[in-house]
Every structure is written in structure tokens, then in C-alpha cells.
Amino acid sequence: MNPRLADFSDGAAARAPNLEGLLKLVRLIPVITIEQVDHAVPLARALVAGGLRLLEITLRTAAGADAARKIIVEVPDAIVGIGTVLSPDDLQHAVDMGAQFALSPGATPELLEAAAASTMPFIPGVATASELMQGLAFGFNIFKFFPAVPSGGIPALKALSGPFPNVKFCPTGGITAENASDWLALKNVAVVGGSWLTPADALRAGNWDAITERARHAVKTTSRPN
């Protein structure tokens, strides 16, 4: 191993079991973009009531970080991950706010280095074999495949399973209620992420019951076979 990368082995050893344990809890991770902070808590409660505990709160909006903090404090049954982590500063921000995992749509060497030195469960984003190899070199073996459909879809992940048999993915980007089960049927897919679980019109209307029902239906239709 590269001596520089060897310094990250302790972080990887602590991080991997935590992440694997989290991903065994669910098969779906809602990818949530919150425009209004006051939507955060009722939305999280609605999703948890529907059986979805792992939540990716993206940092795409000005309200994202404050929304995540409120959910972490007020919805203890939710397991909050921070998405759209683009830099080491974003990652540290996720740690400081008390998030339980973090995800990125891609990964720079600087971000991979910071994440590899941390015990925060982290899922770096990849779209190509070369990006995947770079992540593997830093000790990661679970990746966000993003944007999943534009990056080749299910055939791409099937192809990657050959040279990378021990890698697992969380595909996100173009996943829908109609195709989620097709992605989950792949042996190298641990969970899928998607925004279809929290449609913008339901958030604007505060229709939390509809979101709970959508979550329940999604859990039922994607449950692991006995």
C-alpha cells in the first residue's frame, strides 16, 4: 500500500462496519431537498412513520443545513445523512452537526483524503471505473453511483460487477418507484436513493400523510425476499 494511504487504515476500519450496518436497515434512502426549514421535522416524521429511517438531507439549498440540524435534534428515530458534500469543509460540517453518515455526488482527491482520515461513514460518488479505482485506493468499497441513469444505468453496474466484485453501490439519479426494484435486484446494489419519495408538491402542501403512505408503499414493494 502507498505509505501515505496507509495512514488512513484506522479510519477505514472504524468506518466500514458502521456504514454496512446502516445500509442493512433499509433498501431505500430518500434524497431530500428542503426549501423551508419548518418542513424538516414533519417531513422526517412522516418518512420514519412510513418505514424509512435513513434520510439524505442535501446541502443544495440555503435551508438544508438548518433543516438537518432540526431533524437530528427533534426526530431521534431518523438516521440523518448529509448529501451534496463537495469539500472537506462540507464533510467537517456534517460531523459537527451530528450527522450519522455523509454522501457526495463525486469525489476530489482532497475530499477522499479527508473522508478516509475520518471515522464518519461516507459514500463517495462515482460514475466511471477510474473514479471507482481512485476511491478504492483510499479504502472505500461502497459508492454512490451518480447520476445513475445518465451514467449507463443498470447495464453499467452489471459491467462494473465483473472487475469489481466486492464493491457495493447506492445508485441515485433517475431512480423511480417503477424501476427501484430492478436496481435492487442487482447483487452489487446495497440500497437505492431517490427524490421520488418526497415530491416537491407534497412538501409545498404539507401533505405529510401522503408522504407516509408513499414511503410505506415503497418499503413494501422493495422488501428483501425471505
C-alpha atoms as a PDB file:
ATOM      1  CA  MET A   1       0.000   0.000   0.000  1.00  0.00           C
ATOM      2  CA  ASN A   2       1.091   3.547  -0.647  1.00  0.00           C
ATOM      3  CA  PRO A   3       2.598   4.724   2.697  1.00  0.00           C
ATOM      4  CA  ARG A   4       0.537   7.901   2.522  1.00  0.00           C
ATOM      5  CA  LEU A   5      -2.683   5.916   2.159  1.00  0.00           C
ATOM      6  CA  ALA A   6      -1.680   3.534   4.938  1.00  0.00           C
ATOM      7  CA  ASP A   7      -2.252   6.374   7.404  1.00  0.00           C
ATOM      8  CA  PHE A   8      -5.982   6.077   6.729  1.00  0.00           C
ATOM      9  CA  SER A   9      -6.337   2.388   7.648  1.00  0.00           C
ATOM     10  CA  ASP A  10      -7.616   3.047  11.193  1.00  0.00           C
ATOM     11  CA  GLY A  11     -10.348   5.344   9.897  1.00  0.00           C
ATOM     12  CA  ALA A  12     -11.421   2.793   7.300  1.00  0.00           C
ATOM     13  CA  ALA A  13     -11.551   0.016   9.886  1.00  0.00           C
ATOM     14  CA  ALA A  14     -13.830   2.055  12.144  1.00  0.00           C
ATOM     15  CA  ARG A  15     -15.969   3.467   9.331  1.00  0.00           C
ATOM     16  CA  ALA A  16     -16.790   0.348   7.298  1.00  0.00           C
ATOM     17  CA  PRO A  17     -18.770  -1.697   9.875  1.00  0.00           C
ATOM     18  CA  ASN A  18     -20.860   1.354  10.791  1.00  0.00           C
ATOM     19  CA  LEU A  19     -21.765   2.051   7.180  1.00  0.00           C
ATOM     20  CA  GLU A  20     -22.537  -1.570   6.372  1.00  0.00           C
ATOM     21  CA  GLY A  21     -24.761  -1.749   9.440  1.00  0.00           C
ATOM     22  CA  LEU A  22     -26.672   1.371   8.441  1.00  0.00           C
ATOM     23  CA  LEU A  23     -27.322   0.125   4.918  1.00  0.00           C
ATOM     24  CA  LYS A  24     -28.737  -3.156   6.217  1.00  0.00           C
ATOM     25  CA  LEU A  25     -31.547  -1.230   7.905  1.00  0.00           C
ATOM     26  CA  VAL A  26     -33.278  -0.184   4.675  1.00  0.00           C
ATOM     27  CA  ARG A  27     -33.274  -0.630   0.917  1.00  0.00           C
ATOM     28  CA  LEU A  28     -34.248   2.954   0.107  1.00  0.00           C
ATOM     29  CA  ILE A  29     -32.758   6.318   1.054  1.00  0.00           C
ATOM     30  CA  PRO A  30     -34.914   9.367   0.332  1.00  0.00           C
ATOM     31  CA  VAL A  31     -32.848  12.143  -1.255  1.00  0.00           C
ATOM     32  CA  ILE A  32     -34.389  15.242   0.279  1.00  0.00           C
ATOM     33  CA  THR A  33     -34.083  18.857  -0.836  1.00  0.00           C
ATOM     34  CA  ILE A  34     -35.717  21.163   1.705  1.00  0.00           C
ATOM     35  CA  GLU A  35     -36.598  24.738   0.804  1.00  0.00           C
ATOM     36  CA  GLN A  36     -38.290  25.667   4.096  1.00  0.00           C
ATOM     37  CA  VAL A  37     -36.812  24.763   7.469  1.00  0.00           C
ATOM     38  CA  ASP A  38     -40.250  24.358   9.040  1.00  0.00           C
ATOM     39  CA  HIS A  39     -40.905  21.423   6.692  1.00  0.00           C
ATOM     40  CA  ALA A  40     -37.958  19.466   8.051  1.00  0.00           C
ATOM     41  CA  VAL A  41     -39.348  17.851  11.196  1.00  0.00           C
ATOM     42  CA  PRO A  42     -42.838  16.891   9.928  1.00  0.00           C
ATOM     43  CA  LEU A  43     -41.283  15.514   6.748  1.00  0.00           C
ATOM     44  CA  ALA A  44     -38.789  13.393   8.653  1.00  0.00           C
ATOM     45  CA  ARG A  45     -41.508  12.120  10.987  1.00  0.00           C
ATOM     46  CA  ALA A  46     -43.679  11.214   8.000  1.00  0.00           C
ATOM     47  CA  LEU A  47     -40.884   9.205   6.389  1.00  0.00           C
ATOM     48  CA  VAL A  48     -39.966   7.421   9.626  1.00  0.00           C
ATOM     49  CA  ALA A  49     -43.635   6.548  10.165  1.00  0.00           C
ATOM     50  CA  GLY A  50     -43.632   5.013   6.701  1.00  0.00           C
ATOM     51  CA  GLY A  51     -40.620   2.834   7.497  1.00  0.00           C
ATOM     52  CA  LEU A  52     -37.778   4.913   6.070  1.00  0.00           C
ATOM     53  CA  ARG A  53     -35.243   5.860   8.750  1.00  0.00           C
ATOM     54  CA  LEU A  54     -32.145   6.693   6.691  1.00  0.00           C
ATOM     55  CA  LEU A  55     -32.556  10.176   5.243  1.00  0.00           C
ATOM     56  CA  GLU A  56     -30.196  12.056   2.945  1.00  0.00           C
ATOM     57  CA  ILE A  57     -30.629  15.774   3.537  1.00  0.00           C
ATOM     58  CA  THR A  58     -28.902  17.594   0.696  1.00  0.00           C
ATOM     59  CA  LEU A  59     -26.958  20.818   1.049  1.00  0.00           C
ATOM     60  CA  ARG A  60     -28.387  22.138  -2.230  1.00  0.00           C
ATOM     61  CA  THR A  61     -30.460  24.861  -0.589  1.00  0.00           C
ATOM     62  CA  ALA A  62     -29.871  27.575   1.977  1.00  0.00           C
ATOM     63  CA  ALA A  63     -32.240  25.722   4.319  1.00  0.00           C
ATOM     64  CA  GLY A  64     -30.507  22.348   4.045  1.00  0.00           C
ATOM     65  CA  ALA A  65     -28.058  22.550   6.941  1.00  0.00           C
ATOM     66  CA  ASP A  66     -30.557  24.072   9.401  1.00  0.00           C
ATOM     67  CA  ALA A  67     -33.173  21.509   8.344  1.00  0.00           C
ATOM     68  CA  ALA A  68     -30.733  18.670   9.004  1.00  0.00           C
ATOM     69  CA  ARG A  69     -29.886  20.039  12.456  1.00  0.00           C
ATOM     70  CA  LYS A  70     -33.554  20.232  13.420  1.00  0.00           C
ATOM     71  CA  ILE A  71     -34.204  16.662  12.320  1.00  0.00           C
ATOM     72  CA  ILE A  72     -31.154  15.378  14.208  1.00  0.00           C
ATOM     73  CA  VAL A  73     -32.370  17.054  17.417  1.00  0.00           C
ATOM     74  CA  GLU A  74     -36.133  16.556  17.134  1.00  0.00           C
ATOM     75  CA  VAL A  75     -36.564  13.231  15.295  1.00  0.00           C
ATOM     76  CA  PRO A  76     -34.359  10.746  17.162  1.00  0.00           C
ATOM     77  CA  ASP A  77     -35.646   7.756  15.174  1.00  0.00           C
ATOM     78  CA  ALA A  78     -34.314   9.273  11.956  1.00  0.00           C
ATOM     79  CA  ILE A  79     -30.768   8.441  10.871  1.00  0.00           C
ATOM     80  CA  VAL A  80     -29.608  11.597   9.157  1.00  0.00           C
ATOM     81  CA  GLY A  81     -27.046  11.664   6.380  1.00  0.00           C
ATOM     82  CA  ILE A  82     -25.764  14.816   4.720  1.00  0.00           C
ATOM     83  CA  GLY A  83     -25.721  14.824   0.944  1.00  0.00           C
ATOM     84  CA  THR A  84     -24.115  17.074  -1.638  1.00  0.00           C
ATOM     85  CA  VAL A  85     -20.871  17.013   0.351  1.00  0.00           C
ATOM     86  CA  LEU A  86     -18.442  18.670  -2.078  1.00  0.00           C
ATOM     87  CA  SER A  87     -15.409  19.546   0.025  1.00  0.00           C
ATOM     88  CA  PRO A  88     -13.539  18.673   3.224  1.00  0.00           C
ATOM     89  CA  ASP A  89     -15.239  21.662   4.857  1.00  0.00           C
ATOM     90  CA  ASP A  90     -18.665  20.234   3.961  1.00  0.00           C
ATOM     91  CA  LEU A  91     -17.647  16.903   5.474  1.00  0.00           C
ATOM     92  CA  GLN A  92     -16.498  18.545   8.696  1.00  0.00           C
ATOM     93  CA  HIS A  93     -19.753  20.493   8.749  1.00  0.00           C
ATOM     94  CA  ALA A  94     -21.644  17.188   8.612  1.00  0.00           C
ATOM     95  CA  VAL A  95     -19.588  15.832  11.503  1.00  0.00           C
ATOM     96  CA  ASP A  96     -20.090  18.977  13.581  1.00  0.00           C
ATOM     97  CA  MET A  97     -23.856  18.968  13.168  1.00  0.00           C
ATOM     98  CA  GLY A  98     -24.091  15.370  14.399  1.00  0.00           C
ATOM     99  CA  ALA A  99     -24.934  13.591  11.149  1.00  0.00           C
ATOM    100  CA  GLN A 100     -24.545   9.814  11.127  1.00  0.00           C
ATOM    101  CA  PHE A 101     -23.282   9.453   7.565  1.00  0.00           C
ATOM    102  CA  ALA A 102     -22.446  11.578   4.545  1.00  0.00           C
ATOM    103  CA  LEU A 103     -22.564  11.250   0.772  1.00  0.00           C
ATOM    104  CA  SER A 104     -21.098  13.067  -2.215  1.00  0.00           C
ATOM    105  CA  PRO A 105     -22.163  13.203  -5.878  1.00  0.00           C
ATOM    106  CA  GLY A 106     -18.496  12.840  -6.866  1.00  0.00           C
ATOM    107  CA  ALA A 107     -15.140  12.998  -5.156  1.00  0.00           C
ATOM    108  CA  THR A 108     -11.947  15.012  -5.429  1.00  0.00           C
ATOM    109  CA  PRO A 109      -8.654  13.653  -4.069  1.00  0.00           C
ATOM    110  CA  GLU A 110      -8.889  16.244  -1.276  1.00  0.00           C
ATOM    111  CA  LEU A 111     -12.363  15.077  -0.257  1.00  0.00           C
ATOM    112  CA  LEU A 112     -11.383  11.402  -0.412  1.00  0.00           C
ATOM    113  CA  GLU A 113      -8.326  12.097   1.729  1.00  0.00           C
ATOM    114  CA  ALA A 114     -10.374  13.943   4.356  1.00  0.00           C
ATOM    115  CA  ALA A 115     -13.073  11.267   4.393  1.00  0.00           C
ATOM    116  CA  ALA A 116     -10.524   8.461   4.592  1.00  0.00           C
ATOM    117  CA  ALA A 117      -8.945  10.077   7.666  1.00  0.00           C
ATOM    118  CA  SER A 118     -12.354  10.383   9.342  1.00  0.00           C
ATOM    119  CA  THR A 119     -14.480   7.728  11.043  1.00  0.00           C
ATOM    120  CA  MET A 120     -17.634   9.338   9.621  1.00  0.00           C
ATOM    121  CA  PRO A 121     -19.421   6.747   7.424  1.00  0.00           C
ATOM    122  CA  PHE A 122     -19.016   8.232   3.948  1.00  0.00           C
ATOM    123  CA  ILE A 123     -20.249   7.228   0.500  1.00  0.00           C
ATOM    124  CA  PRO A 124     -18.246   8.911  -2.273  1.00  0.00           C
ATOM    125  CA  GLY A 125     -19.843   9.409  -5.664  1.00  0.00           C
ATOM    126  CA  VAL A 126     -18.537   7.775  -8.833  1.00  0.00           C
ATOM    127  CA  ALA A 127     -19.648   7.487 -12.440  1.00  0.00           C
ATOM    128  CA  THR A 128     -16.707   5.653 -14.035  1.00  0.00           C
ATOM    129  CA  ALA A 129     -14.315   2.775 -13.383  1.00  0.00           C
ATOM    130  CA  SER A 130     -11.410   5.191 -12.994  1.00  0.00           C
ATOM    131  CA  GLU A 131     -13.241   7.171 -10.295  1.00  0.00           C
ATOM    132  CA  LEU A 132     -14.104   3.899  -8.588  1.00  0.00           C
ATOM    133  CA  MET A 133     -10.459   2.815  -8.583  1.00  0.00           C
ATOM    134  CA  GLN A 134      -9.439   6.112  -7.017  1.00  0.00           C
ATOM    135  CA  GLY A 135     -11.985   5.596  -4.235  1.00  0.00           C
ATOM    136  CA  LEU A 136     -10.795   2.041  -3.667  1.00  0.00           C
ATOM    137  CA  ALA A 137      -7.244   3.322  -3.279  1.00  0.00           C
ATOM    138  CA  PHE A 138      -8.440   5.411  -0.328  1.00  0.00           C
ATOM    139  CA  GLY A 139     -10.108   2.428   1.336  1.00  0.00           C
ATOM    140  CA  PHE A 140     -13.745   2.855   0.269  1.00  0.00           C
ATOM    141  CA  ASN A 141     -15.832  -0.044  -1.049  1.00  0.00           C
ATOM    142  CA  ILE A 142     -19.364   1.422  -1.027  1.00  0.00           C
ATOM    143  CA  PHE A 143     -20.097   4.152  -3.566  1.00  0.00           C
ATOM    144  CA  LYS A 144     -22.915   6.355  -4.755  1.00  0.00           C
ATOM    145  CA  PHE A 145     -23.379   5.706  -8.485  1.00  0.00           C
ATOM    146  CA  PHE A 146     -24.432   9.116  -9.765  1.00  0.00           C
ATOM    147  CA  PRO A 147     -26.130  10.140 -11.943  1.00  0.00           C
ATOM    148  CA  ALA A 148     -27.226   6.527 -12.238  1.00  0.00           C
ATOM    149  CA  VAL A 149     -29.397   6.501 -15.354  1.00  0.00           C
ATOM    150  CA  PRO A 150     -27.390   9.011 -17.455  1.00  0.00           C
ATOM    151  CA  SER A 151     -24.170   7.190 -16.471  1.00  0.00           C
ATOM    152  CA  GLY A 152     -25.254   3.954 -18.125  1.00  0.00           C
ATOM    153  CA  GLY A 153     -27.962   2.667 -15.855  1.00  0.00           C
ATOM    154  CA  ILE A 154     -28.329  -0.969 -14.891  1.00  0.00           C
ATOM    155  CA  PRO A 155     -26.082  -2.252 -17.720  1.00  0.00           C
ATOM    156  CA  ALA A 156     -23.232  -0.095 -16.398  1.00  0.00           C
ATOM    157  CA  LEU A 157     -23.483  -1.528 -12.884  1.00  0.00           C
ATOM    158  CA  LYS A 158     -23.675  -5.055 -14.268  1.00  0.00           C
ATOM    159  CA  ALA A 159     -20.491  -4.384 -16.223  1.00  0.00           C
ATOM    160  CA  LEU A 160     -18.698  -2.963 -13.165  1.00  0.00           C
ATOM    161  CA  SER A 161     -19.526  -6.074 -11.128  1.00  0.00           C
ATOM    162  CA  GLY A 162     -17.001  -8.091 -13.175  1.00  0.00           C
ATOM    163  CA  PRO A 163     -13.756  -6.253 -12.392  1.00  0.00           C
ATOM    164  CA  PHE A 164     -15.030  -5.006  -9.004  1.00  0.00           C
ATOM    165  CA  PRO A 165     -16.862  -7.965  -7.407  1.00  0.00           C
ATOM    166  CA  ASN A 166     -16.531  -6.713  -3.827  1.00  0.00           C
ATOM    167  CA  VAL A 167     -17.882  -3.211  -4.411  1.00  0.00           C
ATOM    168  CA  LYS A 168     -21.420  -2.194  -3.420  1.00  0.00           C
ATOM    169  CA  PHE A 169     -23.376   0.758  -4.777  1.00  0.00           C
ATOM    170  CA  CYS A 170     -26.112   3.192  -3.863  1.00  0.00           C
ATOM    171  CA  PRO A 171     -27.381   4.311  -7.286  1.00  0.00           C
ATOM    172  CA  THR A 172     -29.067   7.709  -7.336  1.00  0.00           C
ATOM    173  CA  GLY A 173     -30.288   9.848 -10.212  1.00  0.00           C
ATOM    174  CA  GLY A 174     -33.187   8.661 -12.318  1.00  0.00           C
ATOM    175  CA  ILE A 175     -34.379   6.045  -9.816  1.00  0.00           C
ATOM    176  CA  THR A 176     -38.182   5.928  -9.644  1.00  0.00           C
ATOM    177  CA  ALA A 177     -40.953   3.966  -7.956  1.00  0.00           C
ATOM    178  CA  GLU A 178     -41.274   1.997 -11.181  1.00  0.00           C
ATOM    179  CA  ASN A 179     -37.625   0.949 -11.566  1.00  0.00           C
ATOM    180  CA  ALA A 180     -36.279   0.829  -7.991  1.00  0.00           C
ATOM    181  CA  SER A 181     -36.861  -2.925  -7.692  1.00  0.00           C
ATOM    182  CA  ASP A 182     -34.929  -3.539 -10.929  1.00  0.00           C
ATOM    183  CA  TRP A 183     -31.892  -1.781  -9.474  1.00  0.00           C
ATOM    184  CA  LEU A 184     -32.224  -3.573  -6.142  1.00  0.00           C
ATOM    185  CA  ALA A 185     -32.202  -6.928  -7.930  1.00  0.00           C
ATOM    186  CA  LEU A 186     -28.520  -6.353  -8.801  1.00  0.00           C
ATOM    187  CA  LYS A 187     -26.127  -8.169  -6.480  1.00  0.00           C
ATOM    188  CA  ASN A 188     -23.834  -5.146  -6.227  1.00  0.00           C
ATOM    189  CA  VAL A 189     -26.589  -2.720  -5.170  1.00  0.00           C
ATOM    190  CA  ALA A 190     -26.954  -2.271  -1.408  1.00  0.00           C
ATOM    191  CA  VAL A 191     -29.614   0.469  -1.432  1.00  0.00           C
ATOM    192  CA  VAL A 192     -31.045   2.976  -3.872  1.00  0.00           C
ATOM    193  CA  GLY A 193     -31.577   6.683  -3.341  1.00  0.00           C
ATOM    194  CA  GLY A 194     -34.244   8.834  -4.882  1.00  0.00           C
ATOM    195  CA  SER A 195     -36.224  12.039  -4.676  1.00  0.00           C
ATOM    196  CA  TRP A 196     -39.481  10.446  -5.827  1.00  0.00           C
ATOM    197  CA  LEU A 197     -40.228   9.617  -2.185  1.00  0.00           C
ATOM    198  CA  THR A 198     -40.553  13.308  -1.270  1.00  0.00           C
ATOM    199  CA  PRO A 199     -42.225  15.075  -4.215  1.00  0.00           C
ATOM    200  CA  ALA A 200     -42.000  18.849  -4.164  1.00  0.00           C
ATOM    201  CA  ASP A 201     -45.763  19.349  -4.481  1.00  0.00           C
ATOM    202  CA  ALA A 202     -46.433  17.277  -1.355  1.00  0.00           C
ATOM    203  CA  LEU A 203     -43.811  19.263   0.575  1.00  0.00           C
ATOM    204  CA  ARG A 204     -45.286  22.595  -0.535  1.00  0.00           C
ATOM    205  CA  ALA A 205     -48.762  21.446   0.502  1.00  0.00           C
ATOM    206  CA  GLY A 206     -47.571  19.965   3.783  1.00  0.00           C
ATOM    207  CA  ASN A 207     -49.231  16.688   2.830  1.00  0.00           C
ATOM    208  CA  TRP A 208     -47.320  14.537   5.303  1.00  0.00           C
ATOM    209  CA  ASP A 209     -49.870  11.708   5.285  1.00  0.00           C
ATOM    210  CA  ALA A 210     -49.336  11.276   1.551  1.00  0.00           C
ATOM    211  CA  ILE A 211     -45.576  11.053   2.081  1.00  0.00           C
ATOM    212  CA  THR A 212     -46.022   8.450   4.820  1.00  0.00           C
ATOM    213  CA  GLU A 213     -48.218   6.384   2.530  1.00  0.00           C
ATOM    214  CA  ARG A 214     -45.730   6.723  -0.330  1.00  0.00           C
ATOM    215  CA  ALA A 215     -42.955   5.559   1.978  1.00  0.00           C
ATOM    216  CA  ARG A 216     -44.967   2.558   3.193  1.00  0.00           C
ATOM    217  CA  HIS A 217     -45.741   1.521  -0.355  1.00  0.00           C
ATOM    218  CA  ALA A 218     -42.101   1.850  -1.379  1.00  0.00           C
ATOM    219  CA  VAL A 219     -40.910  -0.237   1.580  1.00  0.00           C
ATOM    220  CA  LYS A 220     -43.485  -2.926   0.831  1.00  0.00           C
ATOM    221  CA  THR A 221     -42.651  -3.171  -2.849  1.00  0.00           C
ATOM    222  CA  THR A 222     -38.875  -3.279  -2.345  1.00  0.00           C
ATOM    223  CA  SER A 223     -38.640  -5.505   0.736  1.00  0.00           C
ATOM    224  CA  ARG A 224     -35.951  -8.184   0.754  1.00  0.00           C
ATOM    225  CA  PRO A 225     -37.181 -11.666  -0.124  1.00  0.00           C
ATOM    226  CA  ASN A 226     -37.372 -14.088   2.812  1.00  0.00           C
END
